[in-house]
PDB file of N, CA and C in Angstrom:
ATOM      1  N   UNK A   1      22.035  -4.182  -3.360  1.00  0.00           N
ATOM      2  CA  UNK A   1      21.107  -3.577  -2.309  1.00  0.00           C
ATOM      3  C   UNK A   1      21.638  -4.059  -1.109  1.00  0.00           C
ATOM      4  N   UNK A   2      21.735  -3.113   0.027  1.00  0.00           N
ATOM      5  CA  UNK A   2      22.719  -3.307   1.167  1.00  0.00           C
ATOM      6  C   UNK A   2      21.174  -4.461   2.216  1.00  0.00           C
ATOM      7  N   UNK A   3      21.727  -4.537   3.172  1.00  0.00           N
ATOM      8  CA  UNK A   3      20.772  -5.438   4.118  1.00  0.00           C
ATOM      9  C   UNK A   3      20.257  -4.384   4.906  1.00  0.00           C
ATOM     10  N   UNK A   4      20.408  -3.129   5.140  1.00  0.00           N
ATOM     11  CA  UNK A   4      19.837  -2.293   6.306  1.00  0.00           C
ATOM     12  C   UNK A   4      18.735  -1.751   5.076  1.00  0.00           C
ATOM     13  N   UNK A   5      19.008  -1.215   3.821  1.00  0.00           N
ATOM     14  CA  UNK A   5      17.848  -0.909   2.875  1.00  0.00           C
ATOM     15  C   UNK A   5      16.622  -1.751   2.769  1.00  0.00           C
ATOM     16  N   UNK A   6      17.258  -2.903   2.173  1.00  0.00           N
ATOM     17  CA  UNK A   6      16.241  -3.928   2.276  1.00  0.00           C
ATOM     18  C   UNK A   6      15.175  -4.508   3.450  1.00  0.00           C
ATOM     19  N   UNK A   7      16.044  -4.464   5.191  1.00  0.00           N
ATOM     20  CA  UNK A   7      14.910  -4.488   6.285  1.00  0.00           C
ATOM     21  C   UNK A   7      14.512  -3.532   6.523  1.00  0.00           C
ATOM     22  N   UNK A   8      14.738  -2.244   5.806  1.00  0.00           N
ATOM     23  CA  UNK A   8      13.602  -1.045   5.884  1.00  0.00           C
ATOM     24  C   UNK A   8      12.815  -0.890   5.038  1.00  0.00           C
ATOM     25  N   UNK A   9      13.028  -1.088   3.970  1.00  0.00           N
ATOM     26  CA  UNK A   9      11.993  -1.449   3.272  1.00  0.00           C
ATOM     27  C   UNK A   9      10.565  -2.649   3.322  1.00  0.00           C
ATOM     28  N   UNK A  10      11.021  -3.828   3.934  1.00  0.00           N
ATOM     29  CA  UNK A  10      10.145  -5.104   4.022  1.00  0.00           C
ATOM     30  C   UNK A  10       9.605  -4.280   5.628  1.00  0.00           C
ATOM     31  N   UNK A  11      10.194  -3.568   6.580  1.00  0.00           N
ATOM     32  CA  UNK A  11       9.562  -3.065   7.660  1.00  0.00           C
ATOM     33  C   UNK A  11       8.457  -2.006   7.061  1.00  0.00           C
ATOM     34  N   UNK A  12       8.670  -1.072   6.281  1.00  0.00           N
ATOM     35  CA  UNK A  12       7.866  -0.200   5.987  1.00  0.00           C
ATOM     36  C   UNK A  12       6.671  -1.240   5.257  1.00  0.00           C
ATOM     37  N   UNK A  13       6.851  -2.105   4.165  1.00  0.00           N
ATOM     38  CA  UNK A  13       5.606  -2.540   3.758  1.00  0.00           C
ATOM     39  C   UNK A  13       4.859  -3.364   4.915  1.00  0.00           C
ATOM     40  N   UNK A  14       5.432  -4.150   5.384  1.00  0.00           N
ATOM     41  CA  UNK A  14       5.150  -5.147   6.385  1.00  0.00           C
ATOM     42  C   UNK A  14       3.738  -3.942   7.418  1.00  0.00           C
ATOM     43  N   UNK A  15       4.419  -3.085   7.761  1.00  0.00           N
ATOM     44  CA  UNK A  15       3.741  -2.201   8.513  1.00  0.00           C
ATOM     45  C   UNK A  15       2.511  -1.632   7.889  1.00  0.00           C
ATOM     46  N   UNK A  16       2.801  -1.326   6.372  1.00  0.00           N
ATOM     47  CA  UNK A  16       1.470  -1.065   5.435  1.00  0.00           C
ATOM     48  C   UNK A  16       0.642  -2.170   5.576  1.00  0.00           C
ATOM     49  N   UNK A  17       0.836  -3.251   5.139  1.00  0.00           N
ATOM     50  CA  UNK A  17      -0.123  -4.406   5.211  1.00  0.00           C
ATOM     51  C   UNK A  17      -0.595  -4.329   6.580  1.00  0.00           C
ATOM     52  N   UNK A  18      -0.060  -4.218   7.552  1.00  0.00           N
ATOM     53  CA  UNK A  18      -0.692  -4.454   8.902  1.00  0.00           C
ATOM     54  C   UNK A  18      -1.808  -3.693   9.049  1.00  0.00           C
ATOM     55  N   UNK A  19      -1.483  -2.385   8.583  1.00  0.00           N
ATOM     56  CA  UNK A  19      -2.383  -1.279   8.670  1.00  0.00           C
ATOM     57  C   UNK A  19      -3.654  -1.283   7.831  1.00  0.00           C
ATOM     58  N   UNK A  20      -3.059  -1.540   6.652  1.00  0.00           N
ATOM     59  CA  UNK A  20      -4.023  -1.765   5.535  1.00  0.00           C
ATOM     60  C   UNK A  20      -5.317  -2.727   5.765  1.00  0.00           C
ATOM     61  N   UNK A  21      -4.749  -3.906   6.215  1.00  0.00           N
ATOM     62  CA  UNK A  21      -5.782  -4.924   6.417  1.00  0.00           C
ATOM     63  C   UNK A  21      -6.754  -4.511   7.837  1.00  0.00           C
ATOM     64  N   UNK A  22      -6.433  -3.613   8.796  1.00  0.00           N
ATOM     65  CA  UNK A  22      -6.863  -3.111   9.945  1.00  0.00           C
ATOM     66  C   UNK A  22      -7.823  -2.401   9.199  1.00  0.00           C
ATOM     67  N   UNK A  23      -7.533  -1.233   8.292  1.00  0.00           N
ATOM     68  CA  UNK A  23      -8.483  -0.421   7.888  1.00  0.00           C
ATOM     69  C   UNK A  23      -9.606  -0.979   7.093  1.00  0.00           C
ATOM     70  N   UNK A  24      -9.308  -2.257   5.970  1.00  0.00           N
ATOM     71  CA  UNK A  24     -10.316  -2.812   5.276  1.00  0.00           C
ATOM     72  C   UNK A  24     -11.167  -3.379   6.486  1.00  0.00           C
ATOM     73  N   UNK A  25     -10.699  -4.158   7.197  1.00  0.00           N
ATOM     74  CA  UNK A  25     -11.660  -5.045   8.583  1.00  0.00           C
ATOM     75  C   UNK A  25     -12.700  -3.867   8.743  1.00  0.00           C
ATOM     76  N   UNK A  26     -12.091  -3.041   9.299  1.00  0.00           N
ATOM     77  CA  UNK A  26     -13.036  -2.033  10.066  1.00  0.00           C
ATOM     78  C   UNK A  26     -14.141  -1.294   8.819  1.00  0.00           C
ATOM     79  N   UNK A  27     -13.208  -1.169   7.914  1.00  0.00           N
ATOM     80  CA  UNK A  27     -14.618  -0.467   6.748  1.00  0.00           C
ATOM     81  C   UNK A  27     -15.723  -1.373   6.908  1.00  0.00           C
ATOM     82  N   UNK A  28     -15.187  -3.069   6.508  1.00  0.00           N
ATOM     83  CA  UNK A  28     -16.330  -3.660   6.374  1.00  0.00           C
ATOM     84  C   UNK A  28     -17.337  -3.886   7.438  1.00  0.00           C
ATOM     85  N   UNK A  29     -16.675  -3.964   8.846  1.00  0.00           N
ATOM     86  CA  UNK A  29     -17.158  -3.936  10.010  1.00  0.00           C
ATOM     87  C   UNK A  29     -18.384  -2.907  10.017  1.00  0.00           C
ATOM     88  N   UNK A  30     -18.036  -1.724   9.665  1.00  0.00           N
ATOM     89  CA  UNK A  30     -18.834  -0.486   9.508  1.00  0.00           C
ATOM     90  C   UNK A  30     -20.036  -0.674   8.278  1.00  0.00           C
ATOM     91  N   UNK A  31     -19.895  -1.065   7.099  1.00  0.00           N
ATOM     92  CA  UNK A  31     -20.558  -1.287   6.089  1.00  0.00           C
ATOM     93  C   UNK A  31     -21.028  -2.805   5.840  1.00  0.00           C
ATOM     94  N   UNK A  32     -21.913  -3.246   6.559  1.00  0.00           N
ATOM     95  CA  UNK A  32     -22.572  -4.299   6.323  1.00  0.00           C
ATOM     96  C   UNK A  32     -22.837  -4.901   4.777  1.00  0.00           C
ATOM     97  N   UNK A  33     -23.316  -3.715   4.177  1.00  0.00           N
ATOM     98  CA  UNK A  33     -23.875  -3.813   2.615  1.00  0.00           C
ATOM     99  C   UNK A  33     -22.697  -4.617   1.679  1.00  0.00           C
ATOM    100  N   UNK A  34     -21.872  -3.993   2.110  1.00  0.00           N
ATOM    101  CA  UNK A  34     -20.606  -4.351   1.102  1.00  0.00           C
ATOM    102  C   UNK A  34     -20.385  -5.902   0.833  1.00  0.00           C
ATOM    103  N   UNK A  35     -20.455  -6.213  -0.089  1.00  0.00           N
ATOM    104  CA  UNK A  35     -20.209  -7.486  -0.377  1.00  0.00           C
ATOM    105  C   UNK A  35     -18.896  -7.573  -1.170  1.00  0.00           C
ATOM    106  N   UNK A  36     -18.353  -6.434  -1.753  1.00  0.00           N
ATOM    107  CA  UNK A  36     -16.818  -6.411  -2.426  1.00  0.00           C
ATOM    108  C   UNK A  36     -16.430  -5.019  -2.437  1.00  0.00           C
ATOM    109  N   UNK A  37     -15.060  -4.892  -2.646  1.00  0.00           N
ATOM    110  CA  UNK A  37     -14.483  -3.881  -2.693  1.00  0.00           C
ATOM    111  C   UNK A  37     -13.657  -3.940  -3.725  1.00  0.00           C
ATOM    112  N   UNK A  38     -13.434  -2.984  -4.426  1.00  0.00           N
ATOM    113  CA  UNK A  38     -12.469  -2.804  -5.574  1.00  0.00           C
ATOM    114  C   UNK A  38     -11.282  -1.638  -5.005  1.00  0.00           C
ATOM    115  N   UNK A  39     -10.273  -1.917  -4.831  1.00  0.00           N
ATOM    116  CA  UNK A  39      -9.171  -1.228  -4.291  1.00  0.00           C
ATOM    117  C   UNK A  39      -7.855  -1.083  -5.208  1.00  0.00           C
ATOM    118  N   UNK A  40      -7.246  -0.164  -4.955  1.00  0.00           N
ATOM    119  CA  UNK A  40      -6.142   0.311  -5.534  1.00  0.00           C
ATOM    120  C   UNK A  40      -5.043   0.716  -4.835  1.00  0.00           C
ATOM    121  N   UNK A  41      -3.660   0.101  -4.857  1.00  0.00           N
ATOM    122  CA  UNK A  41      -2.619   0.203  -3.778  1.00  0.00           C
ATOM    123  C   UNK A  41      -1.391   1.106  -4.473  1.00  0.00           C
ATOM    124  N   UNK A  42      -1.145   2.490  -3.828  1.00  0.00           N
ATOM    125  CA  UNK A  42      -0.424   2.700  -4.703  1.00  0.00           C
ATOM    126  C   UNK A  42       1.148   3.221  -4.026  1.00  0.00           C
ATOM    127  N   UNK A  43       2.001   2.897  -4.498  1.00  0.00           N
ATOM    128  CA  UNK A  43       3.253   3.469  -3.713  1.00  0.00           C
ATOM    129  C   UNK A  43       3.777   4.537  -4.793  1.00  0.00           C
ATOM    130  N   UNK A  44       3.997   5.473  -4.061  1.00  0.00           N
ATOM    131  CA  UNK A  44       4.737   6.645  -4.856  1.00  0.00           C
ATOM    132  C   UNK A  44       5.983   7.587  -3.887  1.00  0.00           C
ATOM    133  N   UNK A  45       6.745   7.826  -4.576  1.00  0.00           N
ATOM    134  CA  UNK A  45       8.419   8.336  -4.317  1.00  0.00           C
ATOM    135  C   UNK A  45       7.706   9.715  -3.921  1.00  0.00           C
ATOM    136  N   UNK A  46       8.077  10.305  -2.441  1.00  0.00           N
ATOM    137  CA  UNK A  46       7.729  11.852  -2.122  1.00  0.00           C
ATOM    138  C   UNK A  46       9.171  12.434  -2.047  1.00  0.00           C
ATOM    139  N   UNK A  47       9.873  11.720  -2.037  1.00  0.00           N
ATOM    140  CA  UNK A  47      11.820  12.471  -1.918  1.00  0.00           C
ATOM    141  C   UNK A  47      11.777  13.698  -2.450  1.00  0.00           C
ATOM    142  N   UNK A  48      12.281  14.631  -1.648  1.00  0.00           N
ATOM    143  CA  UNK A  48      12.544  15.962  -2.426  1.00  0.00           C
ATOM    144  C   UNK A  48      13.968  15.518  -2.869  1.00  0.00           C
ATOM    145  N   UNK A  49      13.988  15.869  -4.517  1.00  0.00           N
ATOM    146  CA  UNK A  49      15.429  15.634  -4.796  1.00  0.00           C
ATOM    147  C   UNK A  49      16.140  16.648  -4.980  1.00  0.00           C
ATOM    148  N   UNK A  50      15.651  17.764  -4.696  1.00  0.00           N
ATOM    149  CA  UNK A  50      15.998  19.071  -5.207  1.00  0.00           C
ATOM    150  C   UNK A  50      16.208  19.266  -6.635  1.00  0.00           C
ATOM    151  N   UNK A  51      17.604  19.536  -7.157  1.00  0.00           N
ATOM    152  CA  UNK A  51      17.347  19.697  -8.680  1.00  0.00           C
ATOM    153  C   UNK A  51      18.091  18.265  -9.150  1.00  0.00           C
ATOM    154  N   UNK A  52      18.351  17.343  -8.520  1.00  0.00           N
ATOM    155  CA  UNK A  52      18.725  15.954  -9.071  1.00  0.00           C
ATOM    156  C   UNK A  52      17.321  15.081  -9.266  1.00  0.00           C
ATOM    157  N   UNK A  53      16.791  15.333  -9.868  1.00  0.00           N
ATOM    158  CA  UNK A  53      15.172  14.574 -10.342  1.00  0.00           C
ATOM    159  C   UNK A  53      16.136  13.496 -11.191  1.00  0.00           C
ATOM    160  N   UNK A  54      15.060  11.990 -10.455  1.00  0.00           N
ATOM    161  CA  UNK A  54      15.848  10.980 -11.120  1.00  0.00           C
ATOM    162  C   UNK A  54      15.303  10.848 -12.589  1.00  0.00           C
ATOM    163  N   UNK A  55      16.422  10.541 -13.426  1.00  0.00           N
ATOM    164  CA  UNK A  55      15.912  10.281 -14.847  1.00  0.00           C
ATOM    165  C   UNK A  55      14.195   9.700 -14.889  1.00  0.00           C
ATOM    166  N   UNK A  56      14.118   8.807 -14.389  1.00  0.00           N
ATOM    167  CA  UNK A  56      12.726   8.122 -14.020  1.00  0.00           C
ATOM    168  C   UNK A  56      12.354   7.940 -12.642  1.00  0.00           C
ATOM    169  N   UNK A  57      10.922   8.370 -12.712  1.00  0.00           N
ATOM    170  CA  UNK A  57      10.252   8.364 -11.218  1.00  0.00           C
ATOM    171  C   UNK A  57       9.954   6.988 -10.808  1.00  0.00           C
ATOM    172  N   UNK A  58       9.549   6.908  -9.366  1.00  0.00           N
ATOM    173  CA  UNK A  58       9.173   5.770  -8.693  1.00  0.00           C
ATOM    174  C   UNK A  58       7.434   5.615  -8.667  1.00  0.00           C
ATOM    175  N   UNK A  59       6.843   4.994  -9.343  1.00  0.00           N
ATOM    176  CA  UNK A  59       5.368   4.749  -9.193  1.00  0.00           C
ATOM    177  C   UNK A  59       5.293   3.377  -9.484  1.00  0.00           C
ATOM    178  N   UNK A  60       4.034   2.996  -8.590  1.00  0.00           N
ATOM    179  CA  UNK A  60       3.388   1.401  -8.392  1.00  0.00           C
ATOM    180  C   UNK A  60       1.982   1.401  -8.134  1.00  0.00           C
ATOM    181  N   UNK A  61       1.192   0.903  -8.952  1.00  0.00           N
ATOM    182  CA  UNK A  61       0.044   1.139  -8.386  1.00  0.00           C
ATOM    183  C   UNK A  61      -0.481  -0.713  -8.951  1.00  0.00           C
ATOM    184  N   UNK A  62      -1.362  -1.283  -7.741  1.00  0.00           N
ATOM    185  CA  UNK A  62      -1.739  -2.467  -7.908  1.00  0.00           C
ATOM    186  C   UNK A  62      -3.127  -2.533  -7.695  1.00  0.00           C
ATOM    187  N   UNK A  63      -4.193  -3.067  -8.602  1.00  0.00           N
ATOM    188  CA  UNK A  63      -5.769  -3.047  -8.266  1.00  0.00           C
ATOM    189  C   UNK A  63      -6.195  -4.416  -8.212  1.00  0.00           C
ATOM    190  N   UNK A  64      -7.157  -4.534  -7.330  1.00  0.00           N
ATOM    191  CA  UNK A  64      -7.688  -5.591  -7.103  1.00  0.00           C
ATOM    192  C   UNK A  64      -9.113  -5.793  -6.475  1.00  0.00           C
ATOM    193  N   UNK A  65      -9.700  -6.785  -6.199  1.00  0.00           N
ATOM    194  CA  UNK A  65     -10.863  -7.070  -5.284  1.00  0.00           C
ATOM    195  C   UNK A  65     -10.633  -7.863  -4.543  1.00  0.00           C
ATOM    196  N   UNK A  66     -11.494  -7.607  -3.492  1.00  0.00           N
ATOM    197  CA  UNK A  66     -11.765  -8.241  -1.978  1.00  0.00           C
ATOM    198  C   UNK A  66     -13.173  -8.352  -1.860  1.00  0.00           C
ATOM    199  N   UNK A  67     -13.406  -9.610  -1.796  1.00  0.00           N
ATOM    200  CA  UNK A  67     -14.994 -10.114  -1.155  1.00  0.00           C
ATOM    201  C   UNK A  67     -15.001 -10.218   0.084  1.00  0.00           C
ATOM    202  N   UNK A  68     -16.125 -10.327   0.429  1.00  0.00           N
ATOM    203  CA  UNK A  68     -16.415 -10.851   1.529  1.00  0.00           C
ATOM    204  C   UNK A  68     -16.769 -11.843   2.158  1.00  0.00           C
ATOM    205  N   UNK A  69     -16.182 -12.561   2.929  1.00  0.00           N
ATOM    206  CA  UNK A  69     -16.905 -14.264   2.957  1.00  0.00           C
ATOM    207  C   UNK A  69     -17.967 -14.175   3.247  1.00  0.00           C
ATOM    208  N   UNK A  70     -18.497 -15.305   2.874  1.00  0.00           N
ATOM    209  CA  UNK A  70     -20.066 -15.923   3.001  1.00  0.00           C
ATOM    210  C   UNK A  70     -20.309 -16.409   4.235  1.00  0.00           C
TER     211      UNK A  70
END
């Protein structure tokens, strides 16, 4: 894996992490009654491969819970 490819991937994931953090914090601020969120993070390949579809698609999901600090 090239350095540029890895850096592009890390930049995208870092941006996602920052924006997801801000979205969750804002959601919790608007909904004080929520004590715990159950979330699913999904990574999906949206590339148009034309007729050269990969043998195996790229899909990744992670589920977890986030509790409000007491």
